[in-house]
Protein backbone atom coordinates (compact mmCIF):
# COMPACT_ATOMS: atom_id res chain seq x y z
CA MET A 1 11.97 31.64 -39.25
CA ASP A 2 13.76 28.35 -39.82
CA ILE A 3 11.72 26.61 -42.54
CA ARG A 4 12.15 22.84 -42.70
CA ALA A 5 10.61 20.12 -44.85
CA GLN A 6 9.00 17.21 -43.04
CA VAL A 7 7.76 13.97 -44.56
CA SER A 8 4.40 13.55 -42.81
CA MET A 9 1.59 11.03 -42.75
CA VAL A 10 -2.20 10.83 -42.39
CA PHE A 11 -4.06 7.64 -41.43
CA HIS A 12 -7.79 7.70 -42.19
CA LEU A 13 -9.32 5.53 -39.47
CA ASP A 14 -12.73 5.31 -41.16
CA LYS A 15 -11.12 3.08 -43.76
CA CYS A 16 -8.97 0.81 -41.55
CA ILE A 17 -10.31 -2.76 -41.48
CA GLY A 18 -7.80 -4.09 -38.95
CA CYS A 19 -6.28 -6.69 -41.27
CA HIS A 20 -2.70 -6.20 -39.96
CA THR A 21 -1.29 -6.47 -43.47
CA CYS A 22 0.81 -3.37 -42.79
CA SER A 23 2.26 -4.96 -39.65
CA VAL A 24 3.19 -8.18 -41.45
CA ALA A 25 4.76 -6.28 -44.37
CA CYS A 26 6.96 -4.33 -41.97
CA LYS A 27 7.82 -7.42 -39.91
CA ASN A 28 8.89 -9.42 -42.95
CA VAL A 29 11.26 -6.70 -44.16
CA TRP A 30 12.72 -5.08 -41.05
CA THR A 31 12.28 -7.11 -37.85
CA ASP A 32 12.33 -10.76 -38.90
CA ARG A 33 15.74 -11.47 -37.34
CA PRO A 34 17.33 -12.47 -34.01
CA GLY A 35 16.84 -9.90 -31.28
CA ALA A 36 13.97 -8.19 -33.08
CA GLU A 37 11.34 -10.92 -32.91
CA TYR A 38 9.17 -9.05 -30.41
CA MET A 39 9.44 -5.73 -32.26
CA TRP A 40 6.51 -4.41 -34.26
CA TRP A 41 7.53 -1.10 -35.78
CA ASN A 42 4.01 -1.03 -37.20
CA ASN A 43 1.17 -2.43 -35.12
CA VAL A 44 -2.61 -2.13 -35.22
CA GLU A 45 -4.50 -1.77 -31.94
CA THR A 46 -8.16 -2.19 -31.13
CA LYS A 47 -9.66 0.75 -29.29
CA PRO A 48 -10.96 0.77 -26.63
CA GLY A 49 -8.11 -1.47 -25.52
CA THR A 50 -4.80 -1.64 -23.70
CA GLY A 51 -2.51 -1.47 -26.73
CA PHE A 52 1.06 -2.63 -27.36
CA PRO A 53 3.07 -2.61 -25.18
CA THR A 54 0.39 -3.02 -22.54
CA LEU A 55 -0.96 0.33 -21.29
CA TRP A 56 1.69 2.29 -23.20
CA GLU A 57 -0.46 5.43 -22.80
CA ASP A 58 -0.01 5.44 -19.02
CA GLN A 59 2.69 8.11 -18.73
CA SER A 60 2.29 8.21 -14.95
CA HIS A 61 4.18 4.91 -15.12
CA TYR A 62 6.29 5.14 -18.28
CA LYS A 63 6.96 8.88 -17.99
CA GLY A 64 7.48 9.50 -21.71
CA GLY A 65 7.37 12.78 -23.61
CA TRP A 66 7.73 16.31 -22.26
CA GLU A 67 6.10 18.16 -19.39
CA LEU A 68 5.56 21.89 -19.17
CA LYS A 69 7.13 23.53 -16.13
CA GLY A 70 7.59 27.08 -14.89
CA ARG A 71 5.35 30.09 -14.60
CA ASP A 72 3.85 32.32 -17.28
CA GLY A 73 6.58 34.03 -19.26
CA ASN A 74 9.19 31.50 -18.16
CA LYS A 75 7.70 28.16 -19.14
CA LYS A 76 9.98 25.44 -20.43
CA LEU A 77 9.72 21.85 -21.58
CA GLU A 78 11.48 19.17 -19.57
CA LEU A 79 11.73 15.45 -20.16
CA LYS A 80 9.43 13.39 -17.98
CA SER A 81 11.73 10.39 -18.06
CA GLN A 82 14.84 11.98 -16.60
CA ASN A 83 16.54 15.14 -15.44
CA LYS A 84 20.13 16.23 -14.98
CA ILE A 85 20.29 14.68 -11.54
CA ASP A 86 18.90 11.19 -12.15
CA SER A 87 19.83 10.71 -15.83
CA PHE A 88 23.13 9.03 -14.96
CA VAL A 89 21.56 6.71 -12.36
CA LYS A 90 18.80 5.67 -14.79
CA LEU A 91 21.40 4.50 -17.28
CA PHE A 92 21.92 1.49 -15.02
CA TYR A 93 18.43 1.06 -13.57
CA ASN A 94 15.27 2.67 -14.84
CA PRO A 95 12.03 1.67 -13.07
CA ASN A 96 9.99 3.18 -15.90
CA GLN A 97 11.41 0.95 -18.63
CA PRO A 98 8.94 -1.46 -20.24
CA GLY A 99 9.93 -5.07 -19.68
CA LEU A 100 9.47 -8.09 -21.87
CA GLU A 101 6.27 -8.87 -19.97
CA ASP A 102 4.85 -5.53 -21.17
CA TYR A 103 5.46 -6.64 -24.76
CA TYR A 104 5.42 -10.45 -25.00
CA GLU A 105 7.94 -13.27 -25.10
CA PRO A 106 8.36 -14.20 -28.78
CA TRP A 107 7.91 -17.85 -29.65
CA THR A 108 7.93 -20.37 -32.41
CA TYR A 109 6.76 -23.98 -32.55
CA ASN A 110 8.76 -27.18 -32.37
CA TYR A 111 7.57 -28.44 -35.72
CA ALA A 112 10.29 -31.10 -35.82
CA ASN A 113 8.46 -32.93 -33.04
CA LEU A 114 5.67 -33.71 -35.49
CA PHE A 115 8.09 -35.91 -37.45
CA GLU A 116 10.67 -36.97 -34.86
CA ALA A 117 8.48 -37.86 -31.87
CA GLU A 118 8.68 -41.44 -30.68
CA ALA A 119 5.84 -43.74 -31.61
CA GLY A 120 2.98 -43.65 -29.13
CA ASP A 121 -0.76 -43.66 -28.65
CA ASP A 122 -1.07 -39.86 -28.79
CA GLN A 123 -0.81 -37.53 -31.76
CA PRO A 124 2.44 -35.53 -31.49
CA THR A 125 2.08 -31.76 -31.29
CA ALA A 126 4.26 -28.78 -32.17
CA ILE A 127 4.66 -27.22 -28.74
CA PRO A 128 5.48 -23.50 -28.41
CA VAL A 129 9.13 -22.73 -27.75
CA SER A 130 10.63 -19.41 -26.65
CA LEU A 131 12.74 -17.68 -29.30
CA ILE A 132 14.87 -16.21 -26.51
CA THR A 133 15.58 -19.16 -24.24
CA GLY A 134 14.67 -22.04 -26.53
CA GLU A 135 12.65 -23.61 -23.73
CA PRO A 136 8.99 -24.71 -23.90
CA MET A 137 6.62 -21.97 -22.76
CA ASN A 138 2.99 -21.11 -22.20
CA ILE A 139 1.76 -18.37 -24.51
CA GLU A 140 0.19 -15.62 -22.40
CA ALA A 141 0.44 -12.51 -24.58
CA GLY A 142 1.07 -11.33 -28.12
CA PRO A 143 1.39 -8.16 -30.20
CA ASN A 144 -2.37 -7.98 -30.87
CA TRP A 145 -3.58 -10.03 -27.94
CA ASP A 146 -6.65 -7.83 -27.41
CA ASP A 147 -7.53 -7.67 -31.10
CA ASP A 148 -11.29 -7.20 -31.66
CA LEU A 149 -11.99 -7.42 -27.90
CA SER A 150 -13.50 -3.98 -27.58
CA GLY A 151 -16.28 -5.18 -25.34
CA SER A 152 -14.07 -7.14 -22.97
CA THR A 153 -14.01 -6.33 -19.28
CA PHE A 154 -10.28 -7.06 -19.08
CA TYR A 155 -8.86 -5.22 -22.11
CA ALA A 156 -11.36 -2.59 -23.19
CA GLU A 157 -12.32 -1.45 -19.70
CA ASN A 158 -8.64 -0.97 -18.80
CA ASP A 159 -8.13 1.55 -21.60
CA ILE A 160 -6.62 4.56 -19.83
CA ASN A 161 -8.52 6.95 -22.14
CA LEU A 162 -11.76 5.94 -20.42
CA GLU A 163 -10.67 7.44 -17.10
CA GLU A 164 -12.52 10.72 -17.57
CA LEU A 165 -15.80 9.07 -18.58
CA SER A 166 -18.56 9.05 -16.02
CA ASP A 167 -19.94 5.77 -14.69
CA GLU A 168 -23.03 6.27 -16.85
CA GLU A 169 -20.93 6.83 -19.99
CA ARG A 170 -18.86 3.75 -19.25
CA GLU A 171 -21.99 1.69 -18.71
CA GLN A 172 -23.48 2.89 -21.98
CA LEU A 173 -20.25 2.23 -23.86
CA PHE A 174 -20.33 -1.43 -22.86
CA GLU A 175 -24.02 -2.04 -23.47
CA ILE A 176 -24.26 -4.98 -25.81
CA GLU A 177 -26.10 -3.04 -28.52
CA ARG A 178 -23.62 -0.13 -28.32
CA ILE A 179 -20.39 -2.07 -28.26
CA SER A 180 -18.18 -0.79 -31.04
CA MET A 181 -14.50 -0.58 -31.84
CA MET A 182 -12.03 1.27 -33.96
CA TYR A 183 -8.61 0.25 -35.22
CA LEU A 184 -5.57 2.38 -34.49
CA PRO A 185 -2.51 1.65 -36.66
CA ARG A 186 0.69 3.07 -35.16
CA ILE A 187 4.20 3.70 -36.41
CA CYS A 188 6.88 6.14 -35.25
CA ASN A 189 5.49 9.68 -35.43
CA HIS A 190 8.85 11.17 -36.53
CA CYS A 191 8.09 14.08 -34.25
CA ALA A 192 9.30 17.63 -34.81
CA ASN A 193 10.11 17.96 -31.10
CA PRO A 194 11.22 14.37 -30.34
CA SER A 195 11.85 13.54 -26.70
CA CYS A 196 13.77 10.42 -27.71
CA VAL A 197 16.44 12.51 -29.46
CA ALA A 198 16.77 14.82 -26.47
CA SER A 199 17.18 11.92 -24.04
CA CYS A 200 19.97 10.00 -25.82
CA PRO A 201 23.21 10.35 -23.81
CA SER A 202 25.40 9.13 -26.67
CA GLY A 203 23.89 11.30 -29.40
CA ALA A 204 22.87 8.32 -31.52
CA LEU A 205 19.38 9.58 -32.31
CA TYR A 206 19.01 12.41 -34.80
CA LYS A 207 16.44 14.03 -37.06
CA ARG A 208 17.44 14.24 -40.71
CA GLY A 209 17.52 17.78 -41.98
CA GLU A 210 16.24 17.11 -45.48
CA ASP A 211 13.07 15.17 -44.62
CA GLY A 212 12.66 15.14 -40.83
CA ILE A 213 12.89 11.35 -40.42
CA VAL A 214 14.13 10.35 -36.95
CA LEU A 215 16.85 7.70 -37.08
CA ILE A 216 19.33 5.92 -34.79
CA ASN A 217 23.00 5.77 -35.74
CA GLN A 218 23.81 2.15 -34.95
CA ASP A 219 27.54 2.88 -34.81
CA VAL A 220 27.03 5.45 -32.05
CA CYS A 221 24.25 3.74 -30.05
CA ARG A 222 25.50 2.25 -26.79
CA GLY A 223 22.24 0.61 -25.74
CA TRP A 224 21.56 2.89 -22.76
CA ARG A 225 17.82 2.69 -23.61
CA ALA A 226 17.05 6.20 -22.36
CA CYS A 227 15.21 6.74 -25.66
CA ILE A 228 12.84 3.86 -24.94
CA SER A 229 11.69 5.50 -21.72
CA ALA A 230 11.55 8.99 -23.24
CA CYS A 231 9.40 7.99 -26.25
CA PRO A 232 5.79 8.26 -25.00
CA TYR A 233 4.52 6.17 -27.92
CA LYS A 234 6.92 3.33 -27.11
CA LYS A 235 8.03 3.04 -30.71
CA ILE A 236 11.71 2.45 -29.94
CA TYR A 237 12.80 -1.07 -29.11
CA TYR A 238 15.91 -2.70 -27.66
CA ASN A 239 17.56 -5.45 -29.68
CA TRP A 240 18.73 -7.92 -27.05
CA LYS A 241 20.99 -9.62 -29.61
CA THR A 242 22.97 -6.58 -30.82
CA GLY A 243 22.63 -4.41 -27.71
CA LYS A 244 21.31 -1.49 -29.79
CA SER A 245 18.05 0.43 -29.94
CA GLU A 246 15.97 0.22 -33.11
CA LYS A 247 12.89 1.96 -34.50
CA CYS A 248 10.79 2.62 -37.59
CA ILE A 249 12.91 4.28 -40.27
CA LEU A 250 9.93 5.10 -42.52
CA CYS A 251 11.63 2.95 -45.18
CA TYR A 252 13.88 5.91 -46.02
CA PRO A 253 15.94 3.94 -48.58
CA LYS A 254 12.73 3.68 -50.60
CA LEU A 255 11.71 7.30 -50.01
CA GLU A 256 15.03 8.50 -51.34
CA THR A 257 14.17 6.96 -54.69
CA GLY A 258 10.57 8.15 -54.75
CA GLN A 259 9.03 4.90 -53.50
CA ILE A 260 6.61 4.57 -50.61
CA PRO A 261 7.17 2.66 -47.32
CA ASN A 262 6.17 -0.99 -47.17
CA CYS A 263 3.30 -0.51 -44.72
CA PHE A 264 1.85 2.23 -46.95
CA GLN A 265 2.21 0.13 -50.08
CA SER A 266 0.60 -2.97 -48.57
CA CYS A 267 -2.36 -1.22 -46.89
CA VAL A 268 -5.54 -2.98 -47.98
CA GLY A 269 -7.91 -0.22 -46.89
CA ARG A 270 -5.80 2.50 -48.53
CA ILE A 271 -6.01 4.51 -45.34
CA ARG A 272 -2.47 5.93 -45.58
CA TYR A 273 -1.37 9.19 -47.09
CA LEU A 274 2.18 10.50 -47.39
CA GLY A 275 3.36 13.98 -48.21
CA VAL A 276 5.51 16.93 -47.22
CA LEU A 277 4.76 19.66 -44.70
CA LEU A 278 6.78 22.83 -44.35
CA TYR A 279 7.16 23.98 -40.76
CA ASP A 280 9.01 26.59 -38.78
CA ALA A 281 11.59 24.78 -36.66
CA ASP A 282 11.84 27.83 -34.40
CA ARG A 283 8.18 27.26 -33.48
CA ALA A 284 8.41 23.50 -32.89
CA ALA A 285 9.19 23.65 -29.18
CA GLU A 286 7.42 26.97 -28.57
CA SER A 287 4.14 25.69 -30.00
CA MET A 288 4.15 22.96 -27.36
CA LYS A 289 4.35 25.44 -24.45
CA VAL A 290 0.61 26.05 -24.20
CA PRO A 291 -2.17 24.42 -22.14
CA ASP A 292 -3.22 20.95 -23.25
CA LYS A 293 -6.50 21.91 -24.90
CA ALA A 294 -4.76 24.58 -27.02
CA LEU A 295 -2.04 22.27 -28.35
CA VAL A 296 -3.74 21.23 -31.60
CA GLU A 297 -4.25 24.80 -32.78
CA SER A 298 -0.82 25.80 -31.50
CA GLN A 299 0.84 23.06 -33.53
CA ARG A 300 -0.93 24.29 -36.65
CA THR A 301 0.67 27.73 -36.19
CA ALA A 302 4.06 26.10 -36.76
CA PHE A 303 3.06 24.80 -40.20
CA CYS A 304 3.69 27.07 -43.16
CA ASP A 305 1.73 27.84 -46.31
CA PRO A 306 3.71 26.25 -49.18
CA PHE A 307 2.17 28.74 -51.63
CA ASP A 308 3.32 31.84 -49.73
CA PRO A 309 6.12 33.50 -51.77
CA GLU A 310 7.91 34.60 -48.60
CA ILE A 311 7.82 31.07 -47.18
CA ILE A 312 9.11 29.68 -50.48
CA LYS A 313 11.95 32.20 -50.46
CA MET A 314 12.98 31.32 -46.89
CA ALA A 315 12.66 27.59 -47.62
CA LYS A 316 15.00 27.83 -50.59
CA ALA A 317 17.44 29.94 -48.55
CA ASN A 318 17.45 27.14 -45.99
CA GLY A 319 18.37 24.55 -48.60
CA ILE A 320 14.95 23.06 -49.36
CA SER A 321 14.81 21.98 -52.99
CA ASP A 322 12.20 22.91 -55.59
CA GLU A 323 11.11 19.26 -55.63
CA PHE A 324 10.24 19.34 -51.94
CA ILE A 325 8.44 22.66 -52.23
CA LYS A 326 6.35 21.34 -55.10
CA ALA A 327 5.60 18.18 -53.10
CA ALA A 328 4.48 20.37 -50.18
CA GLN A 329 2.10 22.26 -52.48
CA LEU A 330 0.55 19.02 -53.74
CA SER A 331 0.62 17.34 -50.33
CA PRO A 332 -2.54 15.53 -49.18
CA ILE A 333 -1.26 16.00 -45.63
CA TYR A 334 -1.51 19.79 -45.90
CA LYS A 335 -5.09 19.46 -47.09
CA TYR A 336 -6.17 17.15 -44.28
CA VAL A 337 -4.29 18.96 -41.50
CA MET A 338 -4.37 22.64 -42.49
CA LYS A 339 -6.94 23.22 -45.23
CA TRP A 340 -9.77 21.01 -43.97
CA LYS A 341 -8.51 20.57 -40.38
CA ILE A 342 -9.94 17.08 -40.01
CA ALA A 343 -6.68 15.18 -39.31
CA LEU A 344 -5.42 15.33 -35.73
CA PRO A 345 -2.28 14.16 -33.89
CA LEU A 346 -2.38 11.25 -31.47
CA HIS A 347 -1.87 12.27 -27.83
CA ILE A 348 -0.45 15.69 -28.57
CA GLU A 349 -0.39 16.29 -24.80
CA TYR A 350 2.94 14.41 -24.85
CA ARG A 351 4.24 17.62 -26.50
CA THR A 352 6.55 15.92 -29.00
CA MET A 353 4.77 17.57 -31.96
CA PRO A 354 3.99 14.32 -33.79
CA MET A 355 3.99 14.37 -37.58
CA LEU A 356 1.56 11.49 -38.00
CA PHE A 357 -2.08 12.59 -38.07
CA TYR A 358 -5.34 10.66 -37.86
CA VAL A 359 -8.79 11.31 -39.29
CA PRO A 360 -11.02 10.08 -36.42
CA PRO A 361 -13.52 7.35 -37.28
CA LEU A 362 -17.09 8.38 -38.01
CA LEU A 363 -18.66 5.47 -36.16
CA PRO A 364 -22.44 5.04 -36.10
CA VAL A 365 -23.80 8.13 -34.40
CA MET A 366 -27.49 7.38 -34.42
CA GLY A 367 -28.97 8.57 -31.15
CA LYS A 368 -30.71 6.03 -28.95
CA MET A 369 -34.24 7.14 -28.09
CA ALA A 370 -36.07 6.46 -24.85
CA ASN A 371 -37.97 3.53 -26.33
CA GLY A 372 -34.73 1.78 -27.28
CA ILE A 373 -34.97 2.61 -30.99
CA TYR A 374 -32.03 4.07 -32.88
CA THR A 375 -32.91 6.97 -35.11
CA ASN A 376 -31.34 9.98 -36.78
CA ALA A 377 -33.60 12.51 -38.43
CA LEU A 378 -32.09 14.58 -41.23
CA ASP A 379 -33.26 17.87 -39.78
CA ASN A 380 -31.29 17.34 -36.56
CA PHE A 381 -28.57 14.91 -37.56
CA PHE A 382 -25.88 16.72 -35.54
CA THR A 383 -27.76 16.37 -32.25
CA SER A 384 -26.79 12.70 -31.93
CA LEU A 385 -23.06 13.41 -31.63
CA ASP A 386 -23.24 13.38 -27.85
CA LYS A 387 -24.86 9.92 -28.05
CA SER A 388 -22.42 8.34 -30.47
CA ARG A 389 -21.16 4.85 -29.74
CA LEU A 390 -17.67 6.15 -28.93
CA PRO A 391 -18.13 9.20 -26.69
CA MET A 392 -16.70 12.51 -27.88
CA LYS A 393 -14.81 12.69 -24.60
CA TYR A 394 -13.02 9.44 -25.45
CA LEU A 395 -12.02 10.56 -28.94
CA ALA A 396 -10.92 13.93 -27.54
CA ARG A 397 -8.65 12.16 -25.08
CA LEU A 398 -7.00 10.40 -28.01
CA PHE A 399 -6.74 13.11 -30.64
CA SER A 400 -7.11 16.58 -29.13
CA ALA A 401 -5.73 16.49 -25.58
CA GLY A 402 -9.28 16.55 -24.21
CA ASN A 403 -10.62 19.40 -26.35
CA GLU A 404 -14.08 18.17 -27.32
CA ASP A 405 -14.81 21.22 -29.46
CA ILE A 406 -12.13 20.16 -31.94
CA ILE A 407 -13.50 16.61 -32.15
CA GLU A 408 -17.03 17.93 -32.58
CA TYR A 409 -15.88 20.19 -35.43
CA VAL A 410 -14.21 17.25 -37.20
CA MET A 411 -17.20 14.96 -36.71
CA LYS A 412 -19.65 17.54 -37.99
CA LYS A 413 -17.60 18.11 -41.12
CA LEU A 414 -17.23 14.38 -41.76
CA MET A 415 -20.98 13.88 -41.23
CA ALA A 416 -21.77 16.78 -43.55
CA VAL A 417 -19.65 15.22 -46.30
CA ARG A 418 -21.32 11.84 -45.84
CA TYR A 419 -24.87 13.21 -45.88
CA TYR A 420 -24.07 15.51 -48.77
CA LYS A 421 -22.91 12.60 -50.95
CA ARG A 422 -25.81 10.42 -49.82
CA THR A 423 -28.28 13.16 -50.75
CA LEU A 424 -26.73 13.42 -54.23
CA ASP A 425 -26.83 9.65 -54.72
CA MET A 426 -30.49 9.52 -53.71
CA GLN A 427 -31.25 12.25 -56.28
CA ASP A 428 -33.56 13.86 -53.79
CA ILE A 429 -31.84 17.19 -53.22
CA ASP A 430 -33.38 19.58 -50.70
CA LEU A 431 -31.32 22.73 -51.24
CA VAL A 432 -32.52 24.37 -48.05
CA MET A 433 -31.60 21.33 -45.97
CA MET A 434 -28.30 20.90 -47.81
CA ASN A 435 -27.29 24.51 -47.18
CA LYS A 436 -28.18 24.11 -43.51
CA MET A 437 -26.16 20.91 -43.36
CA MET A 438 -23.13 22.50 -44.99
CA ARG A 439 -23.35 25.55 -42.75
CA GLU A 440 -23.58 23.56 -39.52
CA GLY A 441 -20.82 21.25 -40.68
CA GLY A 442 -18.50 24.17 -41.39
CA THR A 443 -18.00 23.25 -45.03
CA THR A 444 -19.28 23.87 -48.55
CA PRO A 445 -20.47 21.54 -51.31
CA GLU A 446 -17.23 22.23 -53.19
CA GLU A 447 -15.07 21.37 -50.19
CA ALA A 448 -17.21 18.35 -49.37
CA GLU A 449 -16.69 17.04 -52.89
CA GLU A 450 -12.94 17.60 -52.58
CA ILE A 451 -12.79 15.76 -49.24
CA TYR A 452 -14.84 12.91 -50.67
CA ARG A 453 -12.62 12.48 -53.72
CA LEU A 454 -9.36 12.39 -51.73
CA THR A 455 -10.93 10.07 -49.16
CA ALA A 456 -12.87 7.61 -51.29
CA VAL A 457 -11.49 7.61 -54.84
CA PRO A 458 -7.93 8.99 -54.80
CA THR A 459 -5.27 7.83 -57.22
CA ILE A 460 -1.96 6.55 -55.88
CA ASP A 461 -0.30 9.77 -57.00
CA GLN A 462 -2.78 11.77 -54.95
CA ARG A 463 -2.26 9.68 -51.82
CA PHE A 464 1.52 9.63 -51.98
CA VAL A 465 3.31 12.84 -52.97
CA ILE A 466 7.03 12.54 -52.31
CA PRO A 467 9.88 13.85 -54.48
CA GLU A 468 12.40 11.52 -56.05
CA ILE A 469 15.76 12.65 -54.74
CA GLN A 470 18.76 10.64 -53.63
CA ARG A 471 20.20 11.51 -50.24
CA GLU A 472 23.65 11.97 -51.78
CA GLU A 473 22.22 14.34 -54.37
CA SER A 474 20.34 16.32 -51.74
CA ILE A 475 23.53 16.79 -49.74
CA GLU A 476 25.38 18.13 -52.76
CA SER A 477 22.56 20.24 -54.19
CA THR A 478 20.78 21.71 -51.18
CA CYS A 479 23.39 22.37 -48.52
CA ASN A 480 24.33 26.05 -48.57
CA PRO A 481 27.59 26.34 -46.56
CA GLU A 482 27.09 30.09 -46.18
CA ILE A 483 23.86 29.43 -44.29
CA CYS A 484 24.17 26.16 -42.43
CA LYS A 485 27.96 26.09 -41.85
CA GLY A 486 27.60 22.39 -41.17
CA SER A 487 25.28 22.75 -38.21
CA CYS A 488 21.76 23.43 -39.47
CA GLY A 489 21.00 19.78 -40.26
CA ILE A 490 20.47 20.35 -43.99
CA GLY A 491 22.89 18.05 -45.75
CA VAL A 492 24.55 16.74 -42.59
CA ILE A 493 25.23 13.03 -43.09
CA GLN A 494 25.65 12.16 -39.42
CA PRO A 495 24.92 14.13 -36.28
CA PRO A 496 27.73 15.27 -34.05
CA THR A 497 28.43 12.68 -31.36
CA ARG A 498 29.27 13.28 -27.76
CA GLY A 499 30.69 10.93 -25.20
CA LEU A 500 29.44 10.33 -21.71
């Protein structure tokens, strides 16, 4: 086993209010400069919707992530975006690259015209001007162009995740009284099996050994943009000014001093959790070589119990510090992903083993009766799951590679926690009904209370558990030359580079 420490994240979608404060905080710090105007390392999408860039989930066009090839016993992962034959050709022309029209042309306004326009009968206006060409332009798209348009026939109905819904389910989803939406904040997943790293011909992308953050060495990057095609989440961008690729760096200069990333710190809904997961690097790729619907459980087999003495021993032998091990034991991510199993990866069928997990939203699930009345009796409150406003099939397409059983398990547990706390607040406790509720929801009153406290009333120290350790100190204190010999990633400042 090759035990590694990974800084991981959980976003609780039940608490996201779609305010975009996280996006603005990131934009102001990292991408408010020439060449990066159109970049949004953090963006918030409305679902159902087309997302940013437009239809980024359509891998039949963008061909991001990995695909499983071969027969049983000899299966292997191959990049969708390129192979050994066409990788060189695609350096010069790649038909699967997103263009500026898939993002949007960034603009500003000619405010000077308000003061410098010649005298006339009309009120002068600040016309939009392209930040790339400097010429006047018509605004036709933006980073959150379909924001709050969940019921639209143009944006919502073109959501690729609706493909597997029947005509009846689609019709019900867009009934005026059933229209609903959820917000989906997205940053780089800092995957354990990143396709972007594997695709880079110049070796500029690398995964840091001490915390698993995926970065781009700007000195090595040659702007081939193979990583942009290979990333299925489209979270790598090309800076047209510098000729380099750029991406979310998880604010690692702050993490190295025990501070939290800007988007986490600014989050109004407090939906974001940050912590450490220990995982077996030898299992990262292997866990992705299973059928789609088994991927979520397979990924969990790669995560390690931070309290297991044998795991702790192997982690220390691999250069993981006591601070990281302690952070893994206190990690809210481990609780959500492994202990309670209610946080799921986004589009795990891309097989990159993402390290950002989402607690699906518990939208109104009151079943619609034949007479048009919404109701939900306490004695059969789970029966309305199949009539929820967002179909289980849709949520499964997002968070469990189509496995509806996993989504149903999560929803039942979340519903059980909600009804358990509501029953306590009403001071009308029916022990028989509560026990039935807990049993069907796959939880206990003790676990429900624990989930509630970390979800609703956590302290900042409970939401963010990350050790204070400088990168320079980690290199000196954790790298064991007898083990890594400069190649294991632990304590390596820069990855080895290779020319074309």
